[in-house]
N, C-alpha and C. Protein backbone atom coordinates (compact mmCIF):
# COMPACT_ATOMS: atom_id res chain seq x y z
N MET A 1 -11.35 -5.87 13.92
CA MET A 1 -10.81 -4.52 13.96
C MET A 1 -10.87 -3.92 12.56
N LYS A 2 -11.29 -2.68 12.49
CA LYS A 2 -11.33 -1.93 11.23
C LYS A 2 -10.23 -0.87 11.26
N ILE A 3 -9.45 -0.84 10.19
CA ILE A 3 -8.35 0.12 10.07
C ILE A 3 -8.60 0.99 8.84
N GLY A 4 -8.66 2.29 9.04
CA GLY A 4 -8.76 3.23 7.92
C GLY A 4 -7.37 3.51 7.38
N VAL A 5 -7.22 3.47 6.06
CA VAL A 5 -5.90 3.62 5.44
C VAL A 5 -5.94 4.77 4.44
N VAL A 6 -4.99 5.70 4.59
CA VAL A 6 -4.86 6.82 3.66
C VAL A 6 -3.40 6.99 3.28
N SER A 7 -3.17 7.69 2.20
CA SER A 7 -1.82 8.01 1.77
C SER A 7 -1.87 9.21 0.84
N ASP A 8 -0.72 9.82 0.67
CA ASP A 8 -0.55 10.88 -0.34
C ASP A 8 -1.59 11.99 -0.22
N THR A 9 -1.70 12.53 0.99
CA THR A 9 -2.65 13.63 1.21
C THR A 9 -2.04 14.98 0.87
N HIS A 10 -0.72 15.09 0.85
CA HIS A 10 0.01 16.25 0.33
C HIS A 10 -0.49 17.60 0.83
N SER A 11 -0.87 17.69 2.10
CA SER A 11 -1.32 18.96 2.70
C SER A 11 -2.51 19.58 1.99
N LEU A 12 -3.25 18.77 1.25
CA LEU A 12 -4.46 19.26 0.60
C LEU A 12 -5.66 18.98 1.50
N LEU A 13 -6.75 19.65 1.24
CA LEU A 13 -7.97 19.47 2.03
C LEU A 13 -8.40 17.99 2.00
N ILE A 14 -8.69 17.45 3.16
CA ILE A 14 -9.18 16.08 3.26
C ILE A 14 -10.69 16.13 3.14
N PRO A 15 -11.27 15.45 2.17
CA PRO A 15 -12.72 15.49 2.00
C PRO A 15 -13.46 15.02 3.25
N PRO A 16 -14.55 15.67 3.61
CA PRO A 16 -15.33 15.26 4.79
C PRO A 16 -15.75 13.79 4.75
N GLU A 17 -16.01 13.26 3.55
CA GLU A 17 -16.38 11.85 3.42
C GLU A 17 -15.27 10.94 3.96
N VAL A 18 -14.01 11.34 3.77
CA VAL A 18 -12.87 10.56 4.26
C VAL A 18 -12.81 10.65 5.79
N ILE A 19 -12.91 11.85 6.32
CA ILE A 19 -12.88 12.03 7.78
C ILE A 19 -14.01 11.24 8.43
N ASN A 20 -15.21 11.30 7.86
CA ASN A 20 -16.34 10.53 8.40
C ASN A 20 -16.07 9.04 8.36
N GLY A 21 -15.50 8.55 7.26
CA GLY A 21 -15.17 7.13 7.15
C GLY A 21 -14.11 6.71 8.14
N LEU A 22 -13.08 7.54 8.31
CA LEU A 22 -12.01 7.21 9.26
C LEU A 22 -12.51 7.21 10.70
N ASN A 23 -13.46 8.08 10.99
CA ASN A 23 -14.03 8.12 12.34
C ASN A 23 -14.81 6.86 12.70
N LYS A 24 -15.15 6.04 11.72
CA LYS A 24 -15.88 4.80 11.97
C LYS A 24 -14.93 3.60 12.10
N THR A 25 -13.63 3.86 12.15
CA THR A 25 -12.64 2.79 12.26
C THR A 25 -12.04 2.78 13.67
N ASP A 26 -11.27 1.74 13.95
CA ASP A 26 -10.60 1.62 15.25
C ASP A 26 -9.21 2.23 15.24
N MET A 27 -8.66 2.37 14.05
CA MET A 27 -7.27 2.83 13.91
C MET A 27 -7.09 3.44 12.53
N ILE A 28 -6.08 4.32 12.41
CA ILE A 28 -5.75 4.93 11.12
C ILE A 28 -4.28 4.65 10.80
N ILE A 29 -4.05 4.25 9.55
CA ILE A 29 -2.69 4.13 9.03
C ILE A 29 -2.56 5.11 7.87
N HIS A 30 -1.47 5.89 7.89
CA HIS A 30 -1.16 6.80 6.79
C HIS A 30 0.17 6.37 6.20
N ALA A 31 0.21 6.11 4.90
CA ALA A 31 1.40 5.59 4.24
C ALA A 31 2.28 6.67 3.63
N GLY A 32 2.27 7.86 4.20
CA GLY A 32 3.24 8.88 3.83
C GLY A 32 2.80 9.90 2.82
N ASP A 33 3.64 10.93 2.69
CA ASP A 33 3.41 12.15 1.93
C ASP A 33 2.28 12.98 2.55
N PHE A 34 2.50 13.30 3.83
CA PHE A 34 1.64 14.26 4.53
C PHE A 34 1.99 15.66 4.03
N CYS A 35 3.30 15.96 4.04
CA CYS A 35 3.94 17.20 3.64
C CYS A 35 4.12 18.22 4.76
N THR A 36 3.37 18.12 5.86
CA THR A 36 3.62 18.99 7.01
C THR A 36 3.33 18.23 8.30
N VAL A 37 3.97 18.66 9.38
CA VAL A 37 3.71 18.09 10.70
C VAL A 37 2.25 18.35 11.10
N LYS A 38 1.72 19.49 10.70
CA LYS A 38 0.32 19.81 11.01
C LYS A 38 -0.61 18.73 10.48
N ASP A 39 -0.33 18.22 9.31
CA ASP A 39 -1.17 17.18 8.73
C ASP A 39 -1.01 15.85 9.48
N VAL A 40 0.21 15.56 9.96
CA VAL A 40 0.40 14.38 10.80
C VAL A 40 -0.47 14.50 12.04
N GLU A 41 -0.48 15.69 12.64
CA GLU A 41 -1.26 15.92 13.86
C GLU A 41 -2.76 15.77 13.62
N ILE A 42 -3.24 16.19 12.47
CA ILE A 42 -4.67 16.05 12.15
C ILE A 42 -5.08 14.59 12.22
N PHE A 43 -4.32 13.72 11.58
CA PHE A 43 -4.66 12.29 11.58
C PHE A 43 -4.45 11.66 12.95
N SER A 44 -3.41 12.07 13.66
CA SER A 44 -3.12 11.45 14.95
C SER A 44 -4.15 11.84 16.01
N ARG A 45 -4.87 12.92 15.81
CA ARG A 45 -5.92 13.32 16.76
C ARG A 45 -7.23 12.57 16.54
N LEU A 46 -7.41 11.97 15.36
CA LEU A 46 -8.67 11.30 15.05
C LEU A 46 -8.83 9.96 15.79
N LYS A 47 -7.79 9.15 15.77
CA LYS A 47 -7.86 7.78 16.28
C LYS A 47 -6.46 7.32 16.67
N ASP A 48 -6.39 6.07 17.16
CA ASP A 48 -5.10 5.41 17.30
C ASP A 48 -4.46 5.49 15.91
N PHE A 49 -3.19 5.89 15.84
CA PHE A 49 -2.60 6.26 14.56
C PHE A 49 -1.19 5.68 14.40
N LYS A 50 -0.91 5.19 13.21
CA LYS A 50 0.44 4.79 12.82
C LYS A 50 0.70 5.35 11.43
N GLY A 51 1.92 5.77 11.19
CA GLY A 51 2.25 6.30 9.88
C GLY A 51 3.74 6.24 9.61
N VAL A 52 4.08 6.44 8.36
CA VAL A 52 5.47 6.50 7.92
C VAL A 52 5.64 7.76 7.07
N TYR A 53 6.88 8.17 6.91
CA TYR A 53 7.08 9.34 6.05
C TYR A 53 7.23 8.90 4.59
N GLY A 54 6.91 9.84 3.69
CA GLY A 54 7.04 9.60 2.26
C GLY A 54 8.12 10.47 1.66
N ASN A 55 8.34 10.32 0.37
CA ASN A 55 9.41 11.05 -0.31
C ASN A 55 9.19 12.56 -0.33
N MET A 56 7.96 13.02 -0.19
CA MET A 56 7.68 14.46 -0.20
C MET A 56 7.67 15.07 1.21
N ASP A 57 7.88 14.25 2.23
CA ASP A 57 7.89 14.75 3.60
C ASP A 57 9.28 15.27 3.96
N GLY A 58 9.29 16.44 4.59
CA GLY A 58 10.55 17.08 4.96
C GLY A 58 11.13 16.53 6.25
N ALA A 59 12.22 17.14 6.67
CA ALA A 59 12.94 16.69 7.87
C ALA A 59 12.07 16.76 9.11
N ASP A 60 11.15 17.72 9.16
CA ASP A 60 10.29 17.84 10.35
C ASP A 60 9.40 16.62 10.52
N VAL A 61 8.85 16.11 9.43
CA VAL A 61 8.01 14.90 9.49
C VAL A 61 8.88 13.67 9.72
N ARG A 62 10.04 13.64 9.09
CA ARG A 62 10.95 12.48 9.21
C ARG A 62 11.49 12.33 10.63
N LYS A 63 11.49 13.40 11.41
CA LYS A 63 11.94 13.32 12.80
C LYS A 63 10.93 12.58 13.67
N ILE A 64 9.67 12.60 13.29
CA ILE A 64 8.64 12.01 14.17
C ILE A 64 8.05 10.70 13.64
N LEU A 65 8.30 10.37 12.36
CA LEU A 65 7.77 9.13 11.79
C LEU A 65 8.90 8.30 11.18
N PRO A 66 8.78 6.98 11.21
CA PRO A 66 9.81 6.13 10.61
C PRO A 66 9.64 6.00 9.10
N ARG A 67 10.65 5.45 8.44
CA ARG A 67 10.60 5.19 7.00
C ARG A 67 9.68 4.00 6.72
N ARG A 68 9.76 2.99 7.59
CA ARG A 68 8.88 1.83 7.48
C ARG A 68 8.49 1.40 8.89
N GLU A 69 7.40 0.68 8.97
CA GLU A 69 6.86 0.24 10.27
C GLU A 69 6.32 -1.17 10.11
N ILE A 70 6.49 -1.98 11.14
CA ILE A 70 5.89 -3.31 11.16
C ILE A 70 5.06 -3.42 12.42
N LEU A 71 3.80 -3.81 12.25
CA LEU A 71 2.85 -3.92 13.35
C LEU A 71 2.32 -5.35 13.45
N GLU A 72 2.00 -5.76 14.67
CA GLU A 72 1.29 -7.02 14.90
C GLU A 72 -0.09 -6.62 15.44
N ILE A 73 -1.13 -6.95 14.68
CA ILE A 73 -2.49 -6.57 15.09
C ILE A 73 -3.37 -7.81 15.00
N GLU A 74 -3.85 -8.26 16.13
CA GLU A 74 -4.78 -9.39 16.19
C GLU A 74 -4.32 -10.58 15.35
N GLY A 75 -3.05 -10.93 15.49
CA GLY A 75 -2.51 -12.09 14.79
C GLY A 75 -2.10 -11.85 13.35
N VAL A 76 -2.17 -10.60 12.89
CA VAL A 76 -1.80 -10.23 11.52
C VAL A 76 -0.53 -9.36 11.58
N THR A 77 0.46 -9.72 10.76
CA THR A 77 1.68 -8.93 10.66
C THR A 77 1.55 -8.00 9.47
N LEU A 78 1.66 -6.70 9.75
CA LEU A 78 1.38 -5.67 8.76
C LEU A 78 2.57 -4.74 8.63
N GLY A 79 3.03 -4.53 7.41
CA GLY A 79 4.11 -3.59 7.14
C GLY A 79 3.58 -2.33 6.47
N ILE A 80 4.20 -1.20 6.80
CA ILE A 80 3.82 0.08 6.19
C ILE A 80 5.10 0.69 5.60
N PHE A 81 5.02 1.10 4.34
CA PHE A 81 6.15 1.73 3.66
C PHE A 81 5.57 2.61 2.56
N HIS A 82 6.06 3.82 2.42
CA HIS A 82 5.49 4.72 1.42
C HIS A 82 5.67 4.20 -0.01
N GLY A 83 6.88 3.80 -0.32
CA GLY A 83 7.22 3.42 -1.69
C GLY A 83 8.19 4.43 -2.27
N GLU A 84 8.74 4.08 -3.42
CA GLU A 84 9.71 4.97 -4.06
C GLU A 84 9.90 4.54 -5.50
N GLY A 85 10.45 5.45 -6.27
CA GLY A 85 10.76 5.15 -7.66
C GLY A 85 9.56 5.28 -8.56
N PRO A 86 9.72 4.84 -9.82
CA PRO A 86 8.64 4.98 -10.80
C PRO A 86 7.43 4.12 -10.46
N ARG A 87 6.28 4.59 -10.88
CA ARG A 87 5.00 3.92 -10.63
C ARG A 87 5.02 2.47 -11.11
N GLU A 88 5.66 2.23 -12.24
CA GLU A 88 5.66 0.90 -12.85
C GLU A 88 6.39 -0.13 -12.00
N SER A 89 7.32 0.31 -11.16
CA SER A 89 8.09 -0.65 -10.36
C SER A 89 7.83 -0.51 -8.86
N ILE A 90 6.70 0.08 -8.51
CA ILE A 90 6.39 0.32 -7.09
C ILE A 90 6.31 -0.99 -6.30
N LEU A 91 5.71 -2.03 -6.87
CA LEU A 91 5.60 -3.28 -6.13
C LEU A 91 6.96 -3.89 -5.82
N ASP A 92 7.91 -3.76 -6.74
CA ASP A 92 9.26 -4.24 -6.48
C ASP A 92 9.89 -3.47 -5.32
N ALA A 93 9.75 -2.15 -5.32
CA ALA A 93 10.31 -1.33 -4.25
C ALA A 93 9.69 -1.68 -2.90
N VAL A 94 8.40 -1.87 -2.89
CA VAL A 94 7.69 -2.19 -1.65
C VAL A 94 8.10 -3.58 -1.16
N HIS A 95 8.16 -4.53 -2.06
CA HIS A 95 8.58 -5.88 -1.69
C HIS A 95 10.01 -5.86 -1.13
N ASN A 96 10.91 -5.13 -1.78
CA ASN A 96 12.30 -5.07 -1.33
C ASN A 96 12.45 -4.41 0.04
N ALA A 97 11.56 -3.50 0.38
CA ALA A 97 11.61 -2.84 1.69
C ALA A 97 11.37 -3.81 2.83
N PHE A 98 10.70 -4.92 2.52
CA PHE A 98 10.36 -5.90 3.56
C PHE A 98 10.87 -7.30 3.23
N ASN A 99 11.89 -7.42 2.39
CA ASN A 99 12.34 -8.75 1.99
C ASN A 99 12.95 -9.54 3.14
N ASP A 100 13.12 -8.89 4.29
CA ASP A 100 13.66 -9.57 5.47
C ASP A 100 12.58 -10.11 6.39
N ARG A 101 11.31 -9.90 6.03
CA ARG A 101 10.20 -10.31 6.91
C ARG A 101 9.08 -10.95 6.12
N LYS A 102 8.40 -11.90 6.75
CA LYS A 102 7.18 -12.46 6.18
C LYS A 102 6.02 -11.64 6.73
N LEU A 103 5.25 -11.03 5.83
CA LEU A 103 4.15 -10.16 6.24
C LEU A 103 2.84 -10.67 5.66
N ASP A 104 1.76 -10.46 6.41
CA ASP A 104 0.43 -10.79 5.91
C ASP A 104 -0.12 -9.68 5.02
N VAL A 105 0.24 -8.44 5.36
CA VAL A 105 -0.25 -7.26 4.63
C VAL A 105 0.89 -6.26 4.49
N VAL A 106 0.97 -5.62 3.32
CA VAL A 106 1.87 -4.49 3.13
C VAL A 106 1.02 -3.32 2.65
N VAL A 107 1.04 -2.25 3.44
CA VAL A 107 0.34 -1.01 3.09
C VAL A 107 1.37 -0.06 2.51
N PHE A 108 1.05 0.52 1.36
CA PHE A 108 1.97 1.44 0.71
C PHE A 108 1.21 2.55 0.01
N GLY A 109 1.92 3.51 -0.49
CA GLY A 109 1.34 4.64 -1.22
C GLY A 109 2.20 4.98 -2.42
N HIS A 110 2.54 6.26 -2.55
CA HIS A 110 3.47 6.81 -3.53
C HIS A 110 2.91 6.92 -4.94
N SER A 111 2.26 5.89 -5.45
CA SER A 111 1.82 5.90 -6.84
C SER A 111 0.48 6.61 -7.05
N HIS A 112 -0.27 6.85 -5.98
CA HIS A 112 -1.61 7.43 -6.03
C HIS A 112 -2.61 6.50 -6.74
N GLN A 113 -2.21 5.27 -6.97
CA GLN A 113 -3.05 4.30 -7.69
C GLN A 113 -3.59 3.27 -6.69
N PRO A 114 -4.91 3.19 -6.51
CA PRO A 114 -5.45 2.18 -5.60
C PRO A 114 -5.04 0.78 -6.04
N PHE A 115 -4.71 -0.05 -5.04
CA PHE A 115 -4.25 -1.41 -5.34
C PHE A 115 -4.63 -2.29 -4.16
N ASN A 116 -5.27 -3.41 -4.43
CA ASN A 116 -5.75 -4.32 -3.39
C ASN A 116 -5.66 -5.73 -3.95
N LYS A 117 -4.48 -6.35 -3.77
CA LYS A 117 -4.27 -7.64 -4.42
C LYS A 117 -3.43 -8.57 -3.55
N GLN A 118 -3.90 -9.80 -3.46
CA GLN A 118 -3.16 -10.85 -2.78
C GLN A 118 -2.10 -11.38 -3.74
N ILE A 119 -0.84 -11.36 -3.33
CA ILE A 119 0.25 -11.91 -4.12
C ILE A 119 0.97 -12.90 -3.21
N GLY A 120 0.83 -14.16 -3.54
CA GLY A 120 1.36 -15.19 -2.65
C GLY A 120 0.58 -15.16 -1.34
N ASP A 121 1.31 -15.09 -0.23
CA ASP A 121 0.67 -15.07 1.09
C ASP A 121 0.45 -13.65 1.61
N THR A 122 0.75 -12.64 0.80
CA THR A 122 0.72 -11.25 1.27
C THR A 122 -0.30 -10.43 0.50
N LEU A 123 -1.10 -9.66 1.24
CA LEU A 123 -2.02 -8.69 0.64
C LEU A 123 -1.26 -7.38 0.47
N TYR A 124 -1.16 -6.90 -0.75
CA TYR A 124 -0.55 -5.60 -1.04
C TYR A 124 -1.69 -4.59 -1.20
N PHE A 125 -1.62 -3.51 -0.40
CA PHE A 125 -2.76 -2.59 -0.29
C PHE A 125 -2.30 -1.14 -0.37
N ASN A 126 -2.74 -0.46 -1.43
CA ASN A 126 -2.50 0.97 -1.59
C ASN A 126 -3.87 1.64 -1.66
N PRO A 127 -4.16 2.56 -0.73
CA PRO A 127 -5.49 3.19 -0.72
C PRO A 127 -5.70 4.23 -1.82
N GLY A 128 -4.67 4.53 -2.59
CA GLY A 128 -4.77 5.64 -3.55
C GLY A 128 -4.63 6.95 -2.80
N SER A 129 -5.16 8.01 -3.34
CA SER A 129 -5.11 9.32 -2.70
C SER A 129 -6.53 9.86 -2.56
N PRO A 130 -6.85 10.44 -1.39
CA PRO A 130 -8.21 10.96 -1.21
C PRO A 130 -8.46 12.32 -1.84
N ASN A 131 -7.40 12.95 -2.37
CA ASN A 131 -7.58 14.31 -2.86
C ASN A 131 -6.73 14.66 -4.09
N ASP A 132 -6.16 13.67 -4.75
CA ASP A 132 -5.37 13.92 -5.98
C ASP A 132 -6.33 13.96 -7.17
N MET A 133 -6.40 15.09 -7.80
CA MET A 133 -7.29 15.25 -8.96
C MET A 133 -6.50 15.19 -10.28
N VAL A 134 -5.20 14.86 -10.21
CA VAL A 134 -4.36 14.90 -11.40
C VAL A 134 -3.94 13.50 -11.86
N SER A 135 -3.22 12.77 -11.00
CA SER A 135 -2.65 11.50 -11.46
C SER A 135 -3.38 10.26 -10.95
N ALA A 136 -4.28 10.41 -9.99
CA ALA A 136 -5.05 9.26 -9.50
C ALA A 136 -6.24 9.01 -10.42
N PRO A 137 -6.64 7.75 -10.61
CA PRO A 137 -7.79 7.48 -11.47
C PRO A 137 -9.09 7.98 -10.85
N TYR A 138 -9.12 8.07 -9.52
CA TYR A 138 -10.23 8.61 -8.75
C TYR A 138 -9.73 8.82 -7.32
N CYS A 139 -10.43 9.61 -6.55
CA CYS A 139 -10.06 9.85 -5.15
C CYS A 139 -10.56 8.68 -4.31
N SER A 140 -9.72 8.23 -3.36
CA SER A 140 -10.08 7.06 -2.59
C SER A 140 -9.30 6.99 -1.28
N TYR A 141 -9.79 6.14 -0.41
CA TYR A 141 -9.07 5.72 0.80
C TYR A 141 -9.39 4.24 0.97
N GLY A 142 -8.85 3.63 2.01
CA GLY A 142 -9.05 2.19 2.16
C GLY A 142 -9.49 1.80 3.55
N ILE A 143 -10.05 0.59 3.62
CA ILE A 143 -10.41 -0.02 4.89
C ILE A 143 -9.81 -1.43 4.90
N LEU A 144 -9.06 -1.73 5.94
CA LEU A 144 -8.60 -3.10 6.19
C LEU A 144 -9.42 -3.62 7.37
N GLU A 145 -9.92 -4.83 7.24
CA GLU A 145 -10.67 -5.42 8.35
C GLU A 145 -10.00 -6.72 8.75
N ILE A 146 -9.71 -6.82 10.05
CA ILE A 146 -9.07 -8.02 10.59
C ILE A 146 -10.09 -8.75 11.46
N LYS A 147 -10.32 -10.02 11.11
CA LYS A 147 -11.22 -10.89 11.88
C LYS A 147 -10.57 -12.25 12.00
N SER A 148 -10.42 -12.74 13.20
CA SER A 148 -9.88 -14.08 13.46
C SER A 148 -8.56 -14.33 12.73
N GLY A 149 -7.67 -13.35 12.73
CA GLY A 149 -6.36 -13.51 12.11
C GLY A 149 -6.34 -13.43 10.60
N THR A 150 -7.48 -13.07 10.00
CA THR A 150 -7.57 -12.93 8.54
C THR A 150 -7.86 -11.47 8.21
N VAL A 151 -7.23 -10.98 7.16
CA VAL A 151 -7.42 -9.57 6.79
C VAL A 151 -8.03 -9.47 5.39
N THR A 152 -8.94 -8.53 5.24
CA THR A 152 -9.51 -8.22 3.93
C THR A 152 -9.37 -6.72 3.70
N GLY A 153 -9.20 -6.34 2.44
CA GLY A 153 -9.05 -4.95 2.10
C GLY A 153 -10.18 -4.47 1.20
N ASN A 154 -10.53 -3.21 1.35
CA ASN A 154 -11.57 -2.60 0.53
C ASN A 154 -11.15 -1.19 0.16
N ILE A 155 -11.15 -0.88 -1.12
CA ILE A 155 -10.88 0.48 -1.59
C ILE A 155 -12.22 1.23 -1.62
N VAL A 156 -12.27 2.40 -0.97
CA VAL A 156 -13.48 3.19 -0.94
C VAL A 156 -13.31 4.35 -1.93
N LYS A 157 -14.05 4.27 -3.02
CA LYS A 157 -14.01 5.32 -4.04
C LYS A 157 -14.93 6.46 -3.59
N LEU A 158 -14.40 7.68 -3.60
CA LEU A 158 -15.18 8.83 -3.14
C LEU A 158 -16.20 9.24 -4.18
N LYS A 159 -17.33 9.71 -3.69
CA LYS A 159 -18.38 10.19 -4.58
C LYS A 159 -17.97 11.56 -5.11
N GLY A 160 -18.48 11.89 -6.28
CA GLY A 160 -18.24 13.23 -6.82
C GLY A 160 -16.94 13.29 -7.46
């Protein structure tokens, strides 16, 4: 199974390269900061969709999405949480959000910094932002691939 992962889209234009990449996946996960319900609807119409709200999402988005989500997909336990606090301590915040569960993968956002690293038994995966031209090192999204109960992550750096 291929899962397209995005975060921190902030109601900005989603590059066609991202939409094309997401259309080649089986499912989409958005790790928060949509900023409008309209943007939630855009992603939910593309594919099977799961998402959480972020710190920039208002009450309208928070009514329809949870703060955190835990999924079981093909033998892999996956947590989704936007993140919070300063960029330097994002991993601590993400870890603390799930300290009650053993997870194979944690998908998060908030920092706009792509991150794909195995720490202990857990893959921590932040796709970065597909449209942040200010604080992200580059625009990106992610792909998680699950095969035989094993997950691998790939950050897709956008051209241009």
